[in-house]
Amino acid sequence: MGYDYVLVNRVRAYLAEIPEIEVEEKEMFAVLNFLVNGKTCICVNEDRLMLRFDPALQEFLSTRNGYETMLMKGKEYKGYCYFNSQGYKNKDDFDYLMFICLDFNKGARKSTPKNRSGK
């Protein structure tokens, strides 16, 4: 996996300060995924944060420094984006990005496992 360990540790430290959540780390899809209460919340991909947030914030977030659209099969993936280091380098920006992910996570549904047996 190729991700920035300074950024990974920054996310870990932030999440560790929140006592009412359960955090699990999983390497998936070339990113380190931080699952909060069993749901994808924040990921680290190289030196970028990948965020899961309320899709209603998409337009607002796209105006912030460091924002990068997340594309899937050539289409914008609503409720997800990347932020490069320009968008999270200062503490207030980093804290805000963590907050919007954690806030959305409270009401987000867990993914249901797909039946891979073909039955």
C-alpha atoms as a PDB file:
ATOM      1  CA  MET A   1       0.000   0.000   0.000  1.00  0.00           C
ATOM      2  CA  GLY A   2       1.275   3.425  -0.839  1.00  0.00           C
ATOM      3  CA  TYR A   3      -0.029   5.922   1.634  1.00  0.00           C
ATOM      4  CA  ASP A   4       1.427   8.732   3.675  1.00  0.00           C
ATOM      5  CA  TYR A   5       2.028   7.417   7.193  1.00  0.00           C
ATOM      6  CA  VAL A   6       2.147  10.934   8.645  1.00  0.00           C
ATOM      7  CA  LEU A   7      -1.387  11.481   7.324  1.00  0.00           C
ATOM      8  CA  VAL A   8      -2.498   8.029   8.506  1.00  0.00           C
ATOM      9  CA  ASN A   9      -1.219   8.814  12.010  1.00  0.00           C
ATOM     10  CA  ARG A  10      -2.918  12.209  11.949  1.00  0.00           C
ATOM     11  CA  VAL A  11      -6.266  10.551  11.170  1.00  0.00           C
ATOM     12  CA  ARG A  12      -5.647   7.851  13.812  1.00  0.00           C
ATOM     13  CA  ALA A  13      -4.866  10.456  16.473  1.00  0.00           C
ATOM     14  CA  TYR A  14      -7.966  12.495  15.625  1.00  0.00           C
ATOM     15  CA  LEU A  15     -10.262   9.467  15.763  1.00  0.00           C
ATOM     16  CA  ALA A  16      -8.658   8.172  18.967  1.00  0.00           C
ATOM     17  CA  GLU A  17      -9.821  11.323  20.767  1.00  0.00           C
ATOM     18  CA  ILE A  18     -13.494  10.459  20.200  1.00  0.00           C
ATOM     19  CA  PRO A  19     -14.534   7.967  22.886  1.00  0.00           C
ATOM     20  CA  GLU A  20     -18.013   7.087  21.591  1.00  0.00           C
ATOM     21  CA  ILE A  21     -16.881   5.572  18.286  1.00  0.00           C
ATOM     22  CA  GLU A  22     -15.419   2.238  17.278  1.00  0.00           C
ATOM     23  CA  VAL A  23     -12.671   2.473  14.649  1.00  0.00           C
ATOM     24  CA  GLU A  24     -11.404  -0.331  12.462  1.00  0.00           C
ATOM     25  CA  GLU A  25      -8.699   0.005   9.807  1.00  0.00           C
ATOM     26  CA  LYS A  26      -8.834  -2.029   6.592  1.00  0.00           C
ATOM     27  CA  GLU A  27      -6.673  -1.955   3.499  1.00  0.00           C
ATOM     28  CA  MET A  28      -9.138  -1.970   0.598  1.00  0.00           C
ATOM     29  CA  PHE A  29      -9.005  -0.791  -3.005  1.00  0.00           C
ATOM     30  CA  ALA A  30      -5.448   0.607  -2.651  1.00  0.00           C
ATOM     31  CA  VAL A  31      -6.416   2.798   0.330  1.00  0.00           C
ATOM     32  CA  LEU A  32      -6.347   2.543   4.084  1.00  0.00           C
ATOM     33  CA  ASN A  33     -10.001   2.673   5.061  1.00  0.00           C
ATOM     34  CA  PHE A  34     -11.033   3.941   8.483  1.00  0.00           C
ATOM     35  CA  LEU A  35     -14.364   2.342   9.273  1.00  0.00           C
ATOM     36  CA  VAL A  36     -16.246   4.117  12.044  1.00  0.00           C
ATOM     37  CA  ASN A  37     -18.908   2.025  13.752  1.00  0.00           C
ATOM     38  CA  GLY A  38     -18.646  -0.486  10.903  1.00  0.00           C
ATOM     39  CA  LYS A  39     -19.076   2.046   8.072  1.00  0.00           C
ATOM     40  CA  THR A  40     -16.596   3.580   5.636  1.00  0.00           C
ATOM     41  CA  CYS A  41     -15.860   7.079   6.892  1.00  0.00           C
ATOM     42  CA  ILE A  42     -12.401   8.362   5.944  1.00  0.00           C
ATOM     43  CA  CYS A  43      -9.678   6.823   3.798  1.00  0.00           C
ATOM     44  CA  VAL A  44      -6.066   7.647   3.069  1.00  0.00           C
ATOM     45  CA  ASN A  45      -4.854   7.166  -0.498  1.00  0.00           C
ATOM     46  CA  GLU A  46      -1.220   8.146  -0.973  1.00  0.00           C
ATOM     47  CA  ASP A  47      -1.160  11.709   0.412  1.00  0.00           C
ATOM     48  CA  ARG A  48      -4.863  12.364  -0.122  1.00  0.00           C
ATOM     49  CA  LEU A  49      -7.854  12.027   2.132  1.00  0.00           C
ATOM     50  CA  MET A  50     -10.835  10.264   0.638  1.00  0.00           C
ATOM     51  CA  LEU A  51     -14.002  11.445   2.370  1.00  0.00           C
ATOM     52  CA  ARG A  52     -17.523  10.071   2.688  1.00  0.00           C
ATOM     53  CA  PHE A  53     -19.987  12.852   3.466  1.00  0.00           C
ATOM     54  CA  ASP A  54     -23.518  14.119   2.964  1.00  0.00           C
ATOM     55  CA  PRO A  55     -23.974  14.474  -0.822  1.00  0.00           C
ATOM     56  CA  ALA A  56     -25.780  17.791  -0.184  1.00  0.00           C
ATOM     57  CA  LEU A  57     -22.332  19.243   0.670  1.00  0.00           C
ATOM     58  CA  GLN A  58     -20.781  18.248  -2.677  1.00  0.00           C
ATOM     59  CA  GLU A  59     -21.105  21.642  -4.380  1.00  0.00           C
ATOM     60  CA  PHE A  60     -19.839  23.547  -1.324  1.00  0.00           C
ATOM     61  CA  LEU A  61     -16.864  21.236  -0.816  1.00  0.00           C
ATOM     62  CA  SER A  62     -15.925  21.482  -4.487  1.00  0.00           C
ATOM     63  CA  THR A  63     -15.089  25.173  -3.926  1.00  0.00           C
ATOM     64  CA  ARG A  64     -12.546  24.453  -1.178  1.00  0.00           C
ATOM     65  CA  ASN A  65      -8.782  24.295  -1.730  1.00  0.00           C
ATOM     66  CA  GLY A  66      -7.497  20.801  -2.326  1.00  0.00           C
ATOM     67  CA  TYR A  67     -10.819  19.319  -3.489  1.00  0.00           C
ATOM     68  CA  GLU A  68     -10.607  16.582  -6.115  1.00  0.00           C
ATOM     69  CA  THR A  69     -13.645  14.953  -7.679  1.00  0.00           C
ATOM     70  CA  MET A  70     -13.999  11.216  -7.158  1.00  0.00           C
ATOM     71  CA  LEU A  71     -14.863   9.529 -10.429  1.00  0.00           C
ATOM     72  CA  MET A  72     -16.254   6.044 -10.959  1.00  0.00           C
ATOM     73  CA  LYS A  73     -16.550   4.853 -14.558  1.00  0.00           C
ATOM     74  CA  GLY A  74     -16.160   8.455 -15.720  1.00  0.00           C
ATOM     75  CA  LYS A  75     -18.948   9.866 -13.542  1.00  0.00           C
ATOM     76  CA  GLU A  76     -18.738  11.976 -10.402  1.00  0.00           C
ATOM     77  CA  TYR A  77     -19.376   9.845  -7.336  1.00  0.00           C
ATOM     78  CA  LYS A  78     -21.685  11.892  -5.105  1.00  0.00           C
ATOM     79  CA  GLY A  79     -20.966  11.911  -1.381  1.00  0.00           C
ATOM     80  CA  TYR A  80     -17.311  11.032  -1.872  1.00  0.00           C
ATOM     81  CA  CYS A  81     -14.277  13.100  -2.822  1.00  0.00           C
ATOM     82  CA  TYR A  82     -10.553  13.440  -2.342  1.00  0.00           C
ATOM     83  CA  PHE A  83      -8.676  16.265  -0.680  1.00  0.00           C
ATOM     84  CA  ASN A  84      -5.004  16.759  -1.399  1.00  0.00           C
ATOM     85  CA  SER A  85      -2.650  18.307   1.156  1.00  0.00           C
ATOM     86  CA  GLN A  86      -3.650  21.858   0.185  1.00  0.00           C
ATOM     87  CA  GLY A  87      -7.097  21.137   1.607  1.00  0.00           C
ATOM     88  CA  TYR A  88      -6.091  19.690   4.966  1.00  0.00           C
ATOM     89  CA  LYS A  89      -2.679  21.160   5.786  1.00  0.00           C
ATOM     90  CA  ASN A  90      -3.920  23.471   8.538  1.00  0.00           C
ATOM     91  CA  LYS A  91      -5.622  22.132  11.662  1.00  0.00           C
ATOM     92  CA  ASP A  92      -8.938  23.943  11.172  1.00  0.00           C
ATOM     93  CA  ASP A  93      -9.359  22.557   7.647  1.00  0.00           C
ATOM     94  CA  PHE A  94      -8.361  19.049   8.735  1.00  0.00           C
ATOM     95  CA  ASP A  95     -10.741  19.157  11.713  1.00  0.00           C
ATOM     96  CA  TYR A  96     -13.597  20.381   9.513  1.00  0.00           C
ATOM     97  CA  LEU A  97     -13.104  17.548   7.017  1.00  0.00           C
ATOM     98  CA  MET A  98     -13.026  14.978   9.811  1.00  0.00           C
ATOM     99  CA  PHE A  99     -16.168  16.513  11.331  1.00  0.00           C
ATOM    100  CA  ILE A 100     -18.251  16.333   8.143  1.00  0.00           C
ATOM    101  CA  CYS A 101     -17.315  12.674   7.656  1.00  0.00           C
ATOM    102  CA  LEU A 102     -18.095  11.732  11.239  1.00  0.00           C
ATOM    103  CA  ASP A 103     -21.336  13.703  11.195  1.00  0.00           C
ATOM    104  CA  PHE A 104     -22.524  11.877   8.073  1.00  0.00           C
ATOM    105  CA  ASN A 105     -21.372   8.545   9.492  1.00  0.00           C
ATOM    106  CA  LYS A 106     -23.887   8.794  12.350  1.00  0.00           C
ATOM    107  CA  GLY A 107     -26.817   8.350   9.959  1.00  0.00           C
ATOM    108  CA  ALA A 108     -25.148   6.406   7.145  1.00  0.00           C
ATOM    109  CA  ARG A 109     -26.227   2.846   6.511  1.00  0.00           C
ATOM    110  CA  LYS A 110     -23.809  -0.034   6.659  1.00  0.00           C
ATOM    111  CA  SER A 111     -23.152  -1.828   3.403  1.00  0.00           C
ATOM    112  CA  THR A 112     -24.791  -5.201   3.186  1.00  0.00           C
ATOM    113  CA  PRO A 113     -22.490  -8.038   2.157  1.00  0.00           C
ATOM    114  CA  LYS A 114     -23.187  -9.347  -1.336  1.00  0.00           C
ATOM    115  CA  ASN A 115     -23.965 -13.028  -1.748  1.00  0.00           C
ATOM    116  CA  ARG A 116     -21.004 -14.246  -3.795  1.00  0.00           C
ATOM    117  CA  SER A 117     -22.068 -17.915  -3.857  1.00  0.00           C
ATOM    118  CA  GLY A 118     -24.533 -17.347  -6.698  1.00  0.00           C
ATOM    119  CA  LYS A 119     -27.467 -18.724  -4.692  1.00  0.00           C
END
